């Protein structure tokens, strides 16, 4: 075999190796995307979990999932990490989520519609256009703060035409029940939708 022939064979071999590496990289990328999508699908499968993780971003690399973005509470952050850990194919979770928290109203703070609407907007909560909806929101928030069992930074309140939606993550059934009871006790409330998730802290 001539020198040129050996050179050609070597070049072909290198080309095949490079092509194989490129295919492996493409396959790996597809696998990473699929794994990230699997975690995201679990976030989206439950309305209460989806609301808690709506600002969480998911990336995957060879079985390692990185969570970034933000959540409203530390409980939401832990919940996102636990769900990612429990997803098939995930070997490790890097949790870079930032907890932004909820701005709370104090129990004895007087009703100021403009301030109430600004507070709700800062929390990502929704209040209907009627002054009555703003008043209902204000009173529910004040009641929630007064219950020690209900963390004021983990319950979100939205009010539309007297219909109230509660969402977030708490550590006990008592905390959830207190929040729901607080909403139902407020004059003018028509119905309460409970989307609160209970996530018991690790021992």
Protein backbone atom coordinates (compact mmCIF):
# COMPACT_ATOMS: atom_id res chain seq x y z
CA UNK A 1 0.00 0.00 0.00
CA UNK A 2 1.40 3.41 -0.91
CA UNK A 3 2.06 6.27 1.49
CA UNK A 4 -0.85 8.19 -0.03
CA UNK A 5 -3.22 5.31 0.62
CA UNK A 6 -2.29 5.14 4.31
CA UNK A 7 -2.78 8.89 4.56
CA UNK A 8 -6.22 8.61 2.98
CA UNK A 9 -7.20 5.81 5.36
CA UNK A 10 -6.08 7.86 8.34
CA UNK A 11 -8.06 10.88 7.17
CA UNK A 12 -11.19 8.76 6.67
CA UNK A 13 -10.79 7.24 10.14
CA UNK A 14 -10.46 10.66 11.75
CA UNK A 15 -13.52 11.87 9.85
CA UNK A 16 -15.54 8.87 11.05
CA UNK A 17 -14.47 9.42 14.64
CA UNK A 18 -15.41 13.11 14.46
CA UNK A 19 -18.74 12.27 12.89
CA UNK A 20 -19.42 9.76 15.67
CA UNK A 21 -18.58 12.36 18.32
CA UNK A 22 -20.85 14.90 16.69
CA UNK A 23 -23.72 12.37 16.59
CA UNK A 24 -23.16 11.51 20.25
CA UNK A 25 -23.23 15.22 21.10
CA UNK A 26 -26.49 15.66 19.18
CA UNK A 27 -28.03 12.62 20.90
CA UNK A 28 -26.87 13.92 24.28
CA UNK A 29 -28.42 17.31 23.59
CA UNK A 30 -31.70 15.65 22.66
CA UNK A 31 -31.58 13.64 25.89
CA UNK A 32 -30.90 16.78 27.93
CA UNK A 33 -33.82 18.59 26.35
CA UNK A 34 -36.10 15.62 26.97
CA UNK A 35 -35.05 15.42 30.62
CA UNK A 36 -35.63 19.14 31.17
CA UNK A 37 -39.03 18.81 29.51
CA UNK A 38 -39.88 15.86 31.76
CA UNK A 39 -39.18 17.93 34.88
CA UNK A 40 -41.16 20.86 33.49
CA UNK A 41 -44.06 18.54 32.66
CA UNK A 42 -44.20 17.43 36.29
CA UNK A 43 -44.28 21.08 37.39
CA UNK A 44 -47.17 21.73 35.02
CA UNK A 45 -49.18 18.60 35.84
CA UNK A 46 -50.75 20.01 39.03
CA UNK A 47 -52.32 23.51 39.13
CA UNK A 48 -51.01 24.31 42.62
CA UNK A 49 -47.49 23.13 41.79
CA UNK A 50 -47.58 25.01 38.49
CA UNK A 51 -48.48 28.24 40.28
CA UNK A 52 -45.65 27.70 42.77
CA UNK A 53 -43.04 26.99 40.07
CA UNK A 54 -44.25 29.26 37.26
CA UNK A 55 -41.04 31.32 37.29
CA UNK A 56 -38.64 28.36 37.62
CA UNK A 57 -36.39 27.56 34.65
CA UNK A 58 -35.07 24.03 34.05
CA UNK A 59 -31.87 22.95 32.30
CA UNK A 60 -30.33 19.47 32.09
CA UNK A 61 -26.86 18.13 31.34
CA UNK A 62 -26.03 14.42 31.49
CA UNK A 63 -28.55 13.68 34.23
CA UNK A 64 -27.85 16.84 36.23
CA UNK A 65 -30.76 19.26 36.39
CA UNK A 66 -30.20 22.92 37.21
CA UNK A 67 -33.13 24.95 38.53
CA UNK A 68 -32.97 28.73 38.28
CA UNK A 69 -35.38 31.65 38.28
CA UNK A 70 -37.42 32.51 41.37
CA UNK A 71 -40.19 31.31 43.66
CA UNK A 72 -42.30 33.18 46.17
CA UNK A 73 -41.31 31.08 49.18
CA UNK A 74 -38.59 28.76 50.44
CA UNK A 75 -41.21 26.01 50.52
CA UNK A 76 -41.84 26.52 46.79
CA UNK A 77 -38.11 26.29 46.17
CA UNK A 78 -37.86 23.02 48.11
CA UNK A 79 -40.91 21.65 46.35
CA UNK A 80 -39.37 22.32 42.93
CA UNK A 81 -36.15 20.59 43.96
CA UNK A 82 -37.99 17.56 45.33
CA UNK A 83 -40.04 17.15 42.17
CA UNK A 84 -36.90 17.40 40.03
CA UNK A 85 -35.13 14.80 42.22
CA UNK A 86 -38.07 12.42 41.83
CA UNK A 87 -38.13 12.68 38.04
CA UNK A 88 -36.88 9.56 36.25
CA UNK A 89 -33.43 10.05 34.74
CA UNK A 90 -32.34 12.82 37.13
CA UNK A 91 -29.18 11.93 39.05
CA UNK A 92 -28.45 15.31 40.61
CA UNK A 93 -30.22 18.64 41.16
CA UNK A 94 -28.49 22.01 41.41
CA UNK A 95 -30.95 24.43 43.00
CA UNK A 96 -30.16 28.05 42.08
CA UNK A 97 -33.72 29.33 42.61
CA UNK A 98 -34.00 32.73 44.28
CA UNK A 99 -36.77 33.19 46.86
CA UNK A 100 -38.45 36.52 46.19
CA UNK A 101 -41.08 36.32 48.94
CA UNK A 102 -44.47 37.97 49.31
CA UNK A 103 -45.05 41.47 50.57
CA UNK A 104 -47.53 41.27 53.43
CA UNK A 105 -50.12 43.65 54.78
CA UNK A 106 -50.10 44.26 58.53
CA UNK A 107 -53.27 43.21 60.46
CA UNK A 108 -54.07 46.72 61.73
CA UNK A 109 -53.23 48.61 58.54
CA UNK A 110 -56.20 50.74 57.36
CA UNK A 111 -57.75 50.06 53.97
CA UNK A 112 -56.23 52.13 51.17
CA UNK A 113 -57.38 50.87 47.79
CA UNK A 114 -54.43 52.28 45.85
CA UNK A 115 -51.92 50.81 48.30
CA UNK A 116 -53.76 47.48 48.32
CA UNK A 117 -53.66 47.23 44.53
CA UNK A 118 -49.97 48.13 44.48
CA UNK A 119 -49.30 45.42 47.06
CA UNK A 120 -51.20 42.82 45.06
CA UNK A 121 -49.36 43.78 41.87
CA UNK A 122 -46.01 43.45 43.65
CA UNK A 123 -46.99 39.92 44.72
CA UNK A 124 -48.31 38.87 41.32
CA UNK A 125 -51.83 38.64 42.74
CA UNK A 126 -55.00 39.67 40.92
CA UNK A 127 -57.75 41.97 42.19
CA UNK A 128 -60.89 42.71 40.20
CA UNK A 129 -61.74 46.27 39.20
CA UNK A 130 -64.36 46.73 41.93
CA UNK A 131 -63.42 48.46 45.18
CA UNK A 132 -65.23 45.61 46.95
CA UNK A 133 -62.69 43.12 45.56
CA UNK A 134 -59.83 45.26 46.90
CA UNK A 135 -61.49 45.41 50.32
CA UNK A 136 -61.99 41.64 50.38
CA UNK A 137 -58.34 41.11 49.42
CA UNK A 138 -57.20 43.49 52.17
CA UNK A 139 -59.28 41.80 54.87
CA UNK A 140 -58.22 38.28 53.89
CA UNK A 141 -54.55 39.32 53.89
CA UNK A 142 -54.93 40.89 57.33
CA UNK A 143 -56.59 37.75 58.71
CA UNK A 144 -53.91 35.46 57.28
CA UNK A 145 -51.16 37.52 58.91
CA UNK A 146 -52.89 37.21 62.30
CA UNK A 147 -52.61 33.39 62.26
CA UNK A 148 -49.20 32.23 63.50
CA UNK A 149 -49.73 28.84 61.85
CA UNK A 150 -50.13 30.43 58.43
CA UNK A 151 -46.88 31.91 57.07
CA UNK A 152 -47.78 35.32 55.67
CA UNK A 153 -45.21 34.99 52.90
CA UNK A 154 -46.45 31.67 51.54
CA UNK A 155 -50.13 32.31 50.79
CA UNK A 156 -51.23 34.24 47.71
CA UNK A 157 -54.68 35.78 47.42
CA UNK A 158 -56.56 36.76 44.26
CA UNK A 159 -60.10 38.16 44.16
CA UNK A 160 -62.39 38.54 41.17
CA UNK A 161 -66.03 39.62 41.67
CA UNK A 162 -66.08 38.10 45.16
CA UNK A 163 -64.51 34.82 44.08
CA UNK A 164 -61.28 34.17 45.98
CA UNK A 165 -58.37 31.97 44.91
CA UNK A 166 -55.71 30.95 47.43
CA UNK A 167 -52.43 29.43 46.25
CA UNK A 168 -48.97 28.74 47.61
CA UNK A 169 -47.22 26.10 49.69
CA UNK A 170 -47.46 25.61 53.47
CA UNK A 171 -46.05 23.02 55.85
CA UNK A 172 -49.19 21.85 57.65
CA UNK A 173 -52.86 21.10 57.08
CA UNK A 174 -53.62 23.57 59.88
CA UNK A 175 -51.92 26.39 57.97
CA UNK A 176 -53.96 25.64 54.87
CA UNK A 177 -57.23 25.30 56.78
CA UNK A 178 -56.65 28.57 58.63
CA UNK A 179 -56.07 30.43 55.37
CA UNK A 180 -59.19 28.97 53.76
CA UNK A 181 -61.26 29.73 56.88
CA UNK A 182 -59.94 33.30 56.91
CA UNK A 183 -61.10 33.83 53.35
CA UNK A 184 -64.54 32.35 53.95
CA UNK A 185 -65.11 34.53 57.01
CA UNK A 186 -64.74 37.79 55.11
CA UNK A 187 -68.00 39.54 54.26
CA UNK A 188 -68.68 39.63 50.52
CA UNK A 189 -66.79 36.46 49.61
CA UNK A 190 -68.86 34.28 47.27
CA UNK A 191 -66.57 31.26 46.87
CA UNK A 192 -63.04 30.18 47.78
CA UNK A 193 -60.88 28.07 45.50
CA UNK A 194 -58.16 26.30 47.49
CA UNK A 195 -54.99 25.66 45.46
CA UNK A 196 -52.70 25.53 48.48
CA UNK A 197 -50.19 22.67 48.59
CA UNK A 198 -48.95 21.06 51.80
CA UNK A 199 -45.23 20.31 51.71
CA UNK A 200 -44.03 18.98 55.06
CA UNK A 201 -40.43 20.05 55.83
CA UNK A 202 -37.76 17.37 56.03
CA UNK A 203 -37.14 16.14 59.62
